[in-house]
PDB file of all heavy atoms in Angstrom:
ATOM      1  N   LEU A   1      18.719  -3.548 -12.481  1.00  0.00           N
ATOM      2  CA  LEU A   1      20.154  -3.960 -12.016  1.00  0.00           C
ATOM      3  C   LEU A   1      19.960  -4.115 -10.387  1.00  0.00           C
ATOM      4  O   LEU A   1      19.316  -3.391  -9.884  1.00  0.00           O
ATOM      5  CB  LEU A   1      21.084  -2.764 -12.353  1.00  0.00           C
ATOM      6  CG  LEU A   1      21.172  -2.504 -13.875  1.00  0.00           C
ATOM      7  CD1 LEU A   1      22.268  -1.518 -14.068  1.00  0.00           C
ATOM      8  CD2 LEU A   1      21.476  -3.835 -14.645  1.00  0.00           C
ATOM      9  N   PRO A   2      20.703  -5.023  -9.821  1.00  0.00           N
ATOM     10  CA  PRO A   2      20.607  -5.361  -8.453  1.00  0.00           C
ATOM     11  C   PRO A   2      20.947  -4.043  -7.543  1.00  0.00           C
ATOM     12  O   PRO A   2      21.832  -3.361  -7.955  1.00  0.00           O
ATOM     13  CB  PRO A   2      21.680  -6.318  -8.182  1.00  0.00           C
ATOM     14  CG  PRO A   2      21.942  -6.998  -9.550  1.00  0.00           C
ATOM     15  CD  PRO A   2      21.682  -6.069 -10.517  1.00  0.00           C
ATOM     16  N   THR A   3      20.182  -3.913  -6.483  1.00  0.00           N
ATOM     17  CA  THR A   3      20.567  -2.883  -5.445  1.00  0.00           C
ATOM     18  C   THR A   3      21.955  -3.293  -4.852  1.00  0.00           C
ATOM     19  O   THR A   3      22.351  -4.297  -4.839  1.00  0.00           O
ATOM     20  CB  THR A   3      19.549  -3.080  -4.337  1.00  0.00           C
ATOM     21  OG1 THR A   3      18.212  -2.748  -4.803  1.00  0.00           O
ATOM     22  CG2 THR A   3      19.813  -2.002  -3.233  1.00  0.00           C
ATOM     23  N   ALA A   4      22.607  -2.142  -4.697  1.00  0.00           N
ATOM     24  CA  ALA A   4      24.021  -2.224  -4.128  1.00  0.00           C
ATOM     25  C   ALA A   4      24.079  -3.351  -2.970  1.00  0.00           C
ATOM     26  O   ALA A   4      23.274  -3.132  -2.012  1.00  0.00           O
ATOM     27  CB  ALA A   4      24.521  -0.942  -3.753  1.00  0.00           C
ATOM     28  N   PRO A   5      24.896  -4.256  -2.931  1.00  0.00           N
ATOM     29  CA  PRO A   5      24.935  -5.327  -1.842  1.00  0.00           C
ATOM     30  C   PRO A   5      25.231  -4.733  -0.505  1.00  0.00           C
ATOM     31  O   PRO A   5      24.740  -5.096   0.527  1.00  0.00           O
ATOM     32  CB  PRO A   5      26.124  -6.186  -2.272  1.00  0.00           C
ATOM     33  CG  PRO A   5      26.974  -5.386  -3.275  1.00  0.00           C
ATOM     34  CD  PRO A   5      25.971  -4.527  -4.050  1.00  0.00           C
ATOM     35  N   PHE A   6      26.027  -3.662  -0.416  1.00  0.00           N
ATOM     36  CA  PHE A   6      26.247  -3.010   0.938  1.00  0.00           C
ATOM     37  C   PHE A   6      24.992  -2.306   1.401  1.00  0.00           C
ATOM     38  O   PHE A   6      24.752  -2.182   2.657  1.00  0.00           O
ATOM     39  CB  PHE A   6      27.452  -2.131   0.851  1.00  0.00           C
ATOM     40  CG  PHE A   6      27.496  -1.198  -0.283  1.00  0.00           C
ATOM     41  CD1 PHE A   6      26.848   0.058  -0.339  1.00  0.00           C
ATOM     42  CD2 PHE A   6      28.343  -1.530  -1.461  1.00  0.00           C
ATOM     43  CE1 PHE A   6      27.026   0.929  -1.409  1.00  0.00           C
ATOM     44  CE2 PHE A   6      28.352  -0.742  -2.455  1.00  0.00           C
ATOM     45  CZ  PHE A   6      27.684   0.498  -2.594  1.00  0.00           C
ATOM     46  N   VAL A   7      24.139  -1.832   0.509  1.00  0.00           N
ATOM     47  CA  VAL A   7      22.869  -1.404   0.939  1.00  0.00           C
ATOM     48  C   VAL A   7      21.968  -2.487   1.421  1.00  0.00           C
ATOM     49  O   VAL A   7      21.356  -2.298   2.544  1.00  0.00           O
ATOM     50  CB  VAL A   7      22.173  -0.634  -0.192  1.00  0.00           C
ATOM     51  CG1 VAL A   7      20.735  -0.178   0.095  1.00  0.00           C
ATOM     52  CG2 VAL A   7      22.913   0.654  -0.618  1.00  0.00           C
ATOM     53  N   ILE A   8      21.843  -3.562   0.825  1.00  0.00           N
ATOM     54  CA  ILE A   8      21.179  -4.699   1.320  1.00  0.00           C
ATOM     55  C   ILE A   8      21.672  -5.172   2.551  1.00  0.00           C
ATOM     56  O   ILE A   8      20.858  -5.447   3.576  1.00  0.00           O
ATOM     57  CB  ILE A   8      21.219  -5.856   0.320  1.00  0.00           C
ATOM     58  CG1 ILE A   8      20.602  -5.433  -1.123  1.00  0.00           C
ATOM     59  CG2 ILE A   8      20.547  -7.155   0.856  1.00  0.00           C
ATOM     60  CD1 ILE A   8      19.105  -5.219  -0.917  1.00  0.00           C
ATOM     61  N   ASP A   9      22.898  -5.181   2.771  1.00  0.00           N
ATOM     62  CA  ASP A   9      23.553  -5.709   4.080  1.00  0.00           C
ATOM     63  C   ASP A   9      23.148  -4.743   5.288  1.00  0.00           C
ATOM     64  O   ASP A   9      22.907  -5.131   6.366  1.00  0.00           O
ATOM     65  CB  ASP A   9      25.088  -5.720   3.926  1.00  0.00           C
ATOM     66  CG  ASP A   9      25.605  -6.912   3.044  1.00  0.00           C
ATOM     67  OD1 ASP A   9      24.784  -7.900   2.719  1.00  0.00           O
ATOM     68  OD2 ASP A   9      26.735  -6.850   2.650  1.00  0.00           O
ATOM     69  N   ALA A  10      23.084  -3.396   4.844  1.00  0.00           N
ATOM     70  CA  ALA A  10      22.808  -2.479   5.990  1.00  0.00           C
ATOM     71  C   ALA A  10      21.363  -2.637   6.449  1.00  0.00           C
ATOM     72  O   ALA A  10      20.998  -2.560   7.618  1.00  0.00           O
ATOM     73  CB  ALA A  10      23.011  -1.035   5.416  1.00  0.00           C
ATOM     74  N   VAL A  11      20.393  -2.907   5.442  1.00  0.00           N
ATOM     75  CA  VAL A  11      18.938  -3.139   5.774  1.00  0.00           C
ATOM     76  C   VAL A  11      18.987  -4.378   6.624  1.00  0.00           C
ATOM     77  O   VAL A  11      18.303  -4.503   7.631  1.00  0.00           O
ATOM     78  CB  VAL A  11      18.202  -3.042   4.521  1.00  0.00           C
ATOM     79  CG1 VAL A  11      16.717  -3.712   4.856  1.00  0.00           C
ATOM     80  CG2 VAL A  11      18.242  -1.759   3.780  1.00  0.00           C
ATOM     81  N   ARG A  12      19.549  -5.381   6.174  1.00  0.00           N
ATOM     82  CA  ARG A  12      19.652  -6.687   6.843  1.00  0.00           C
ATOM     83  C   ARG A  12      20.060  -6.586   8.374  1.00  0.00           C
ATOM     84  O   ARG A  12      19.521  -7.111   9.236  1.00  0.00           O
ATOM     85  CB  ARG A  12      20.447  -7.714   6.126  1.00  0.00           C
ATOM     86  CG  ARG A  12      20.347  -9.194   6.615  1.00  0.00           C
ATOM     87  CD  ARG A  12      21.099 -10.168   5.854  1.00  0.00           C
ATOM     88  NE  ARG A  12      20.507 -10.337   4.526  1.00  0.00           N
ATOM     89  CZ  ARG A  12      21.153 -10.006   3.325  1.00  0.00           C
ATOM     90  NH1 ARG A  12      22.255  -9.476   3.399  1.00  0.00           N
ATOM     91  NH2 ARG A  12      20.508 -10.257   2.265  1.00  0.00           N
ATOM     92  N   GLU A  13      21.083  -5.837   8.443  1.00  0.00           N
ATOM     93  CA  GLU A  13      21.709  -5.532   9.869  1.00  0.00           C
ATOM     94  C   GLU A  13      20.612  -4.741  10.667  1.00  0.00           C
ATOM     95  O   GLU A  13      20.392  -5.153  11.977  1.00  0.00           O
ATOM     96  CB  GLU A  13      22.986  -4.665   9.825  1.00  0.00           C
ATOM     97  CG  GLU A  13      23.592  -4.425  11.087  1.00  0.00           C
ATOM     98  CD  GLU A  13      24.975  -3.764  11.040  1.00  0.00           C
ATOM     99  OE1 GLU A  13      25.477  -3.585   9.939  1.00  0.00           O
ATOM    100  OE2 GLU A  13      25.382  -3.329  12.078  1.00  0.00           O
ATOM    101  N   ARG A  14      19.944  -3.810  10.142  1.00  0.00           N
ATOM    102  CA  ARG A  14      18.901  -3.113  10.934  1.00  0.00           C
ATOM    103  C   ARG A  14      17.795  -3.962  11.318  1.00  0.00           C
ATOM    104  O   ARG A  14      17.303  -3.855  12.425  1.00  0.00           O
ATOM    105  CB  ARG A  14      18.444  -1.895  10.063  1.00  0.00           C
ATOM    106  CG  ARG A  14      17.397  -1.088  10.830  1.00  0.00           C
ATOM    107  CD  ARG A  14      17.834  -0.631  12.127  1.00  0.00           C
ATOM    108  NE  ARG A  14      16.736   0.164  12.923  1.00  0.00           N
ATOM    109  CZ  ARG A  14      15.776  -0.377  13.664  1.00  0.00           C
ATOM    110  NH1 ARG A  14      15.823  -1.750  13.801  1.00  0.00           N
ATOM    111  NH2 ARG A  14      14.826   0.306  14.237  1.00  0.00           N
ATOM    112  N   LEU A  15      17.508  -5.058  10.445  1.00  0.00           N
ATOM    113  CA  LEU A  15      16.492  -5.945  10.680  1.00  0.00           C
ATOM    114  C   LEU A  15      16.729  -6.884  11.857  1.00  0.00           C
ATOM    115  O   LEU A  15      15.810  -7.679  12.403  1.00  0.00           O
ATOM    116  CB  LEU A  15      16.011  -6.660   9.531  1.00  0.00           C
ATOM    117  CG  LEU A  15      15.237  -5.931   8.401  1.00  0.00           C
ATOM    118  CD1 LEU A  15      15.219  -6.759   7.139  1.00  0.00           C
ATOM    119  CD2 LEU A  15      13.856  -5.660   8.943  1.00  0.00           C
ATOM    120  N   GLN A  16      17.923  -6.979  12.303  1.00  0.00           N
ATOM    121  CA  GLN A  16      18.343  -7.642  13.571  1.00  0.00           C
ATOM    122  C   GLN A  16      17.649  -7.266  14.817  1.00  0.00           C
ATOM    123  O   GLN A  16      17.492  -8.078  15.710  1.00  0.00           O
ATOM    124  CB  GLN A  16      19.798  -7.733  13.810  1.00  0.00           C
ATOM    125  CG  GLN A  16      20.707  -8.424  12.556  1.00  0.00           C
ATOM    126  CD  GLN A  16      20.143  -9.693  12.129  1.00  0.00           C
ATOM    127  OE1 GLN A  16      20.116 -10.597  12.987  1.00  0.00           O
ATOM    128  NE2 GLN A  16      19.610  -9.879  10.916  1.00  0.00           N
ATOM    129  N   HIS A  17      17.389  -6.018  14.718  1.00  0.00           N
ATOM    130  CA  HIS A  17      16.587  -5.432  15.910  1.00  0.00           C
ATOM    131  C   HIS A  17      15.058  -5.671  15.757  1.00  0.00           C
ATOM    132  O   HIS A  17      14.558  -5.665  14.647  1.00  0.00           O
ATOM    133  CB  HIS A  17      16.743  -3.936  16.082  1.00  0.00           C
ATOM    134  CG  HIS A  17      16.264  -3.392  17.369  1.00  0.00           C
ATOM    135  ND1 HIS A  17      14.884  -3.147  17.712  1.00  0.00           N
ATOM    136  CD2 HIS A  17      16.971  -3.083  18.549  1.00  0.00           C
ATOM    137  CE1 HIS A  17      14.788  -2.876  18.941  1.00  0.00           C
ATOM    138  NE2 HIS A  17      16.038  -2.714  19.480  1.00  0.00           N
ATOM    139  N   PRO A  18      14.368  -6.221  16.755  1.00  0.00           N
ATOM    140  CA  PRO A  18      13.015  -6.702  16.646  1.00  0.00           C
ATOM    141  C   PRO A  18      11.963  -5.667  16.514  1.00  0.00           C
ATOM    142  O   PRO A  18      10.712  -5.965  16.299  1.00  0.00           O
ATOM    143  CB  PRO A  18      12.746  -7.541  17.898  1.00  0.00           C
ATOM    144  CG  PRO A  18      13.653  -6.831  18.906  1.00  0.00           C
ATOM    145  CD  PRO A  18      14.752  -6.452  18.136  1.00  0.00           C
ATOM    146  N   ILE A  19      12.383  -4.270  16.507  1.00  0.00           N
ATOM    147  CA  ILE A  19      11.258  -3.248  16.483  1.00  0.00           C
ATOM    148  C   ILE A  19      11.639  -2.313  15.333  1.00  0.00           C
ATOM    149  O   ILE A  19      12.809  -1.754  15.300  1.00  0.00           O
ATOM    150  CB  ILE A  19      11.264  -2.539  17.853  1.00  0.00           C
ATOM    151  CG1 ILE A  19      10.744  -3.482  18.890  1.00  0.00           C
ATOM    152  CG2 ILE A  19      10.265  -1.323  17.589  1.00  0.00           C
ATOM    153  CD1 ILE A  19      10.651  -2.688  20.274  1.00  0.00           C
ATOM    154  N   LEU A  20      10.708  -2.051  14.457  1.00  0.00           N
ATOM    155  CA  LEU A  20      10.871  -1.012  13.463  1.00  0.00           C
ATOM    156  C   LEU A  20       9.832   0.089  13.707  1.00  0.00           C
ATOM    157  O   LEU A  20       8.814   0.329  13.134  1.00  0.00           O
ATOM    158  CB  LEU A  20      10.559  -1.668  12.057  1.00  0.00           C
ATOM    159  CG  LEU A  20      11.381  -2.717  11.655  1.00  0.00           C
ATOM    160  CD1 LEU A  20      10.905  -3.426  10.305  1.00  0.00           C
ATOM    161  CD2 LEU A  20      12.893  -2.351  11.512  1.00  0.00           C
ATOM    162  N   GLY A  21      10.334   0.904  14.695  1.00  0.00           N
ATOM    163  CA  GLY A  21       9.428   1.984  15.165  1.00  0.00           C
ATOM    164  C   GLY A  21       9.784   3.358  14.548  1.00  0.00           C
ATOM    165  O   GLY A  21      10.680   3.560  13.599  1.00  0.00           O
ATOM    166  N   TYR A  22       8.981   4.294  14.815  1.00  0.00           N
ATOM    167  CA  TYR A  22       9.242   5.732  14.344  1.00  0.00           C
ATOM    168  C   TYR A  22      10.636   6.142  14.663  1.00  0.00           C
ATOM    169  O   TYR A  22      11.078   5.902  15.814  1.00  0.00           O
ATOM    170  CB  TYR A  22       8.312   6.682  15.018  1.00  0.00           C
ATOM    171  CG  TYR A  22       6.755   6.556  14.688  1.00  0.00           C
ATOM    172  CD1 TYR A  22       5.932   6.443  15.734  1.00  0.00           C
ATOM    173  CD2 TYR A  22       6.377   6.468  13.440  1.00  0.00           C
ATOM    174  CE1 TYR A  22       4.434   6.232  15.499  1.00  0.00           C
ATOM    175  CE2 TYR A  22       5.016   6.281  13.188  1.00  0.00           C
ATOM    176  CZ  TYR A  22       4.096   6.120  14.181  1.00  0.00           C
ATOM    177  OH  TYR A  22       2.753   5.976  13.838  1.00  0.00           O
ATOM    178  N   THR A  23      11.319   6.863  13.781  1.00  0.00           N
ATOM    179  CA  THR A  23      12.791   7.022  13.887  1.00  0.00           C
ATOM    180  C   THR A  23      13.132   8.438  13.664  1.00  0.00           C
ATOM    181  O   THR A  23      12.787   8.919  12.548  1.00  0.00           O
ATOM    182  CB  THR A  23      13.539   6.008  13.050  1.00  0.00           C
ATOM    183  OG1 THR A  23      13.058   4.650  13.218  1.00  0.00           O
ATOM    184  CG2 THR A  23      15.024   6.205  13.169  1.00  0.00           C
ATOM    185  N   ARG A  24      13.872   9.041  14.548  1.00  0.00           N
ATOM    186  CA  ARG A  24      14.515  10.370  14.288  1.00  0.00           C
ATOM    187  C   ARG A  24      15.658  10.023  13.415  1.00  0.00           C
ATOM    188  O   ARG A  24      16.272   9.026  13.463  1.00  0.00           O
ATOM    189  CB  ARG A  24      14.783  11.028  15.693  1.00  0.00           C
ATOM    190  CG  ARG A  24      13.621  11.407  16.274  1.00  0.00           C
ATOM    191  CD  ARG A  24      13.928  12.182  17.533  1.00  0.00           C
ATOM    192  NE  ARG A  24      12.830  12.708  18.394  1.00  0.00           N
ATOM    193  CZ  ARG A  24      12.870  13.640  19.350  1.00  0.00           C
ATOM    194  NH1 ARG A  24      14.071  14.134  19.805  1.00  0.00           N
ATOM    195  NH2 ARG A  24      11.782  13.910  20.009  1.00  0.00           N
ATOM    196  N   THR A  25      16.224  11.177  12.741  1.00  0.00           N
ATOM    197  CA  THR A  25      17.422  10.968  11.937  1.00  0.00           C
ATOM    198  C   THR A  25      18.572  10.678  12.740  1.00  0.00           C
ATOM    199  O   THR A  25      19.004  11.257  13.555  1.00  0.00           O
ATOM    200  CB  THR A  25      17.709  12.368  11.231  1.00  0.00           C
ATOM    201  OG1 THR A  25      16.503  12.834  10.528  1.00  0.00           O
ATOM    202  CG2 THR A  25      18.788  12.271  10.286  1.00  0.00           C
ATOM    203  N   PRO A  26      19.075   9.336  12.343  1.00  0.00           N
ATOM    204  CA  PRO A  26      20.255   8.913  13.058  1.00  0.00           C
ATOM    205  C   PRO A  26      21.507   9.842  12.838  1.00  0.00           C
ATOM    206  O   PRO A  26      21.684  10.299  11.677  1.00  0.00           O
ATOM    207  CB  PRO A  26      20.454   7.486  12.473  1.00  0.00           C
ATOM    208  CG  PRO A  26      19.212   7.198  11.807  1.00  0.00           C
ATOM    209  CD  PRO A  26      18.634   8.454  11.358  1.00  0.00           C
ATOM    210  N   GLU A  27      22.235  10.096  13.818  1.00  0.00           N
ATOM    211  CA  GLU A  27      23.501  10.898  13.574  1.00  0.00           C
ATOM    212  C   GLU A  27      24.433  10.352  12.382  1.00  0.00           C
ATOM    213  O   GLU A  27      24.917  11.180  11.653  1.00  0.00           O
ATOM    214  CB  GLU A  27      24.248  11.111  14.879  1.00  0.00           C
ATOM    215  CG  GLU A  27      23.511  11.942  15.990  1.00  0.00           C
ATOM    216  CD  GLU A  27      24.303  12.087  17.146  1.00  0.00           C
ATOM    217  OE1 GLU A  27      25.433  11.763  17.238  1.00  0.00           O
ATOM    218  OE2 GLU A  27      23.673  12.694  18.146  1.00  0.00           O
ATOM    219  N   PRO A  28      24.564   9.089  12.442  1.00  0.00           N
ATOM    220  CA  PRO A  28      25.340   8.495  11.384  1.00  0.00           C
ATOM    221  C   PRO A  28      24.824   8.854   9.962  1.00  0.00           C
ATOM    222  O   PRO A  28      25.683   9.019   8.907  1.00  0.00           O
ATOM    223  CB  PRO A  28      25.452   7.006  11.556  1.00  0.00           C
ATOM    224  CG  PRO A  28      25.118   6.819  12.972  1.00  0.00           C
ATOM    225  CD  PRO A  28      24.208   7.957  13.345  1.00  0.00           C
ATOM    226  N   ALA A  29      23.558   8.876   9.692  1.00  0.00           N
ATOM    227  CA  ALA A  29      22.924   9.284   8.534  1.00  0.00           C
ATOM    228  C   ALA A  29      23.343  10.693   8.137  1.00  0.00           C
ATOM    229  O   ALA A  29      23.709  10.997   6.954  1.00  0.00           O
ATOM    230  CB  ALA A  29      21.595   9.188   8.402  1.00  0.00           C
ATOM    231  N   ALA A  30      23.142  11.657   9.032  1.00  0.00           N
ATOM    232  CA  ALA A  30      23.543  13.095   8.781  1.00  0.00           C
ATOM    233  C   ALA A  30      24.922  13.269   8.502  1.00  0.00           C
ATOM    234  O   ALA A  30      25.396  14.086   7.490  1.00  0.00           O
ATOM    235  CB  ALA A  30      23.045  13.804   9.943  1.00  0.00           C
ATOM    236  N   ARG A  31      25.813  12.535   9.282  1.00  0.00           N
ATOM    237  CA  ARG A  31      27.263  12.703   8.876  1.00  0.00           C
ATOM    238  C   ARG A  31      27.622  12.177   7.674  1.00  0.00           C
ATOM    239  O   ARG A  31      28.477  12.735   7.013  1.00  0.00           O
ATOM    240  CB  ARG A  31      28.052  11.989  10.116  1.00  0.00           C
ATOM    241  CG  ARG A  31      28.021  12.665  11.361  1.00  0.00           C
ATOM    242  CD  ARG A  31      29.136  12.185  12.369  1.00  0.00           C
ATOM    243  NE  ARG A  31      29.028  10.803  12.514  1.00  0.00           N
ATOM    244  CZ  ARG A  31      28.395  10.111  13.529  1.00  0.00           C
ATOM    245  NH1 ARG A  31      27.611  10.853  14.357  1.00  0.00           N
ATOM    246  NH2 ARG A  31      28.307   8.782  13.660  1.00  0.00           N
ATOM    247  N   ALA A  32      27.035  11.017   7.366  1.00  0.00           N
ATOM    248  CA  ALA A  32      27.388  10.425   6.026  1.00  0.00           C
ATOM    249  C   ALA A  32      26.987  11.327   4.919  1.00  0.00           C
ATOM    250  O   ALA A  32      27.685  11.423   3.860  1.00  0.00           O
ATOM    251  CB  ALA A  32      26.596   9.105   5.810  1.00  0.00           C
ATOM    252  N   PHE A  33      25.901  12.059   4.948  1.00  0.00           N
ATOM    253  CA  PHE A  33      25.456  12.836   3.918  1.00  0.00           C
ATOM    254  C   PHE A  33      26.384  14.006   3.768  1.00  0.00           C
ATOM    255  O   PHE A  33      26.787  14.460   2.690  1.00  0.00           O
ATOM    256  CB  PHE A  33      24.023  13.438   4.026  1.00  0.00           C
ATOM    257  CG  PHE A  33      23.574  14.328   2.986  1.00  0.00           C
ATOM    258  CD1 PHE A  33      23.064  13.938   1.808  1.00  0.00           C
ATOM    259  CD2 PHE A  33      23.617  15.719   3.102  1.00  0.00           C
ATOM    260  CE1 PHE A  33      22.763  14.842   0.699  1.00  0.00           C
ATOM    261  CE2 PHE A  33      23.279  16.683   2.135  1.00  0.00           C
ATOM    262  CZ  PHE A  33      22.767  16.115   1.019  1.00  0.00           C
ATOM    263  N   VAL A  34      26.671  14.681   4.863  1.00  0.00           N
ATOM    264  CA  VAL A  34      27.494  15.827   4.928  1.00  0.00           C
ATOM    265  C   VAL A  34      28.839  15.531   4.338  1.00  0.00           C
ATOM    266  O   VAL A  34      29.434  16.302   3.528  1.00  0.00           O
ATOM    267  CB  VAL A  34      27.663  16.434   6.204  1.00  0.00           C
ATOM    268  CG1 VAL A  34      28.852  17.426   6.324  1.00  0.00           C
ATOM    269  CG2 VAL A  34      26.370  17.087   6.685  1.00  0.00           C
ATOM    270  N   ASP A  35      29.475  14.265   4.707  1.00  0.00           N
ATOM    271  CA  ASP A  35      30.714  13.936   4.178  1.00  0.00           C
ATOM    272  C   ASP A  35      30.622  13.703   2.687  1.00  0.00           C
ATOM    273  O   ASP A  35      31.559  13.850   1.974  1.00  0.00           O
ATOM    274  CB  ASP A  35      31.229  12.719   4.967  1.00  0.00           C
ATOM    275  CG  ASP A  35      31.624  13.032   6.369  1.00  0.00           C
ATOM    276  OD1 ASP A  35      31.815  14.237   6.630  1.00  0.00           O
ATOM    277  OD2 ASP A  35      31.786  12.076   7.208  1.00  0.00           O
ATOM    278  N   TRP A  36      29.516  12.979   2.244  1.00  0.00           N
ATOM    279  CA  TRP A  36      29.374  12.544   0.904  1.00  0.00           C
ATOM    280  C   TRP A  36      29.405  13.803  -0.056  1.00  0.00           C
ATOM    281  O   TRP A  36      29.916  13.803  -1.125  1.00  0.00           O
ATOM    282  CB  TRP A  36      28.001  11.888   0.754  1.00  0.00           C
ATOM    283  CG  TRP A  36      27.677  11.602  -0.752  1.00  0.00           C
ATOM    284  CD1 TRP A  36      28.206  10.711  -1.632  1.00  0.00           C
ATOM    285  CD2 TRP A  36      26.642  12.360  -1.436  1.00  0.00           C
ATOM    286  NE1 TRP A  36      27.531  10.854  -2.870  1.00  0.00           N
ATOM    287  CE2 TRP A  36      26.605  11.869  -2.806  1.00  0.00           C
ATOM    288  CE3 TRP A  36      25.733  13.285  -0.963  1.00  0.00           C
ATOM    289  CZ2 TRP A  36      25.692  12.265  -3.629  1.00  0.00           C
ATOM    290  CZ3 TRP A  36      24.817  13.888  -1.947  1.00  0.00           C
ATOM    291  CH2 TRP A  36      24.782  13.334  -3.324  1.00  0.00           C
ATOM    292  N   ILE A  37      28.504  14.774   0.281  1.00  0.00           N
ATOM    293  CA  ILE A  37      28.458  16.002  -0.520  1.00  0.00           C
ATOM    294  C   ILE A  37      29.677  16.753  -0.547  1.00  0.00           C
ATOM    295  O   ILE A  37      30.031  17.460  -1.630  1.00  0.00           O
ATOM    296  CB  ILE A  37      27.085  16.851  -0.029  1.00  0.00           C
ATOM    297  CG1 ILE A  37      26.653  17.539  -1.391  1.00  0.00           C
ATOM    298  CG2 ILE A  37      27.541  17.752   1.013  1.00  0.00           C
ATOM    299  CD1 ILE A  37      25.164  18.053  -1.270  1.00  0.00           C
ATOM    300  N   ARG A  38      30.515  16.798   0.521  1.00  0.00           N
ATOM    301  CA  ARG A  38      31.735  17.510   0.522  1.00  0.00           C
ATOM    302  C   ARG A  38      32.801  16.664  -0.302  1.00  0.00           C
ATOM    303  O   ARG A  38      33.518  17.248  -1.187  1.00  0.00           O
ATOM    304  CB  ARG A  38      32.288  17.636   1.917  1.00  0.00           C
ATOM    305  CG  ARG A  38      33.621  18.335   1.924  1.00  0.00           C
ATOM    306  CD  ARG A  38      34.150  18.483   3.388  1.00  0.00           C
ATOM    307  NE  ARG A  38      34.504  17.210   4.044  1.00  0.00           N
ATOM    308  CZ  ARG A  38      33.890  16.712   5.026  1.00  0.00           C
ATOM    309  NH1 ARG A  38      32.780  17.269   5.485  1.00  0.00           N
ATOM    310  NH2 ARG A  38      34.242  15.658   5.457  1.00  0.00           N
ATOM    311  N   HIS A  39      32.740  15.345  -0.184  1.00  0.00           N
ATOM    312  CA  HIS A  39      33.673  14.564  -0.931  1.00  0.00           C
ATOM    313  C   HIS A  39      33.308  14.556  -2.510  1.00  0.00           C
ATOM    314  O   HIS A  39      34.300  14.546  -3.229  1.00  0.00           O
ATOM    315  CB  HIS A  39      33.609  13.121  -0.493  1.00  0.00           C
ATOM    316  CG  HIS A  39      34.268  12.049  -1.176  1.00  0.00           C
ATOM    317  ND1 HIS A  39      35.641  11.894  -1.203  1.00  0.00           N
ATOM    318  CD2 HIS A  39      33.910  11.258  -2.349  1.00  0.00           C
ATOM    319  CE1 HIS A  39      35.965  10.898  -1.966  1.00  0.00           C
ATOM    320  NE2 HIS A  39      35.011  10.439  -2.640  1.00  0.00           N
ATOM    321  N   SER A  40      32.018  14.522  -2.820  1.00  0.00           N
ATOM    322  CA  SER A  40      31.618  14.373  -4.143  1.00  0.00           C
ATOM    323  C   SER A  40      31.704  15.745  -4.827  1.00  0.00           C
ATOM    324  O   SER A  40      32.037  15.869  -6.044  1.00  0.00           O
ATOM    325  CB  SER A  40      30.126  13.923  -4.208  1.00  0.00           C
ATOM    326  OG  SER A  40      30.157  12.606  -3.689  1.00  0.00           O
TER     327      SER A  40
END
C-alpha cells in the first residue's frame, strides 16, 4: 500500500536542501514524538 502522502511530501521538502549530511535529532522530531505518544 502506498506510503502516506504527507510522509512523501516531507521527504521531498527536505530534498530541497542540496546537502544530506550527518544529522542530529531535530527538535521538531522530538516534540512530534512526545506529543504523539501523549495524544495516542
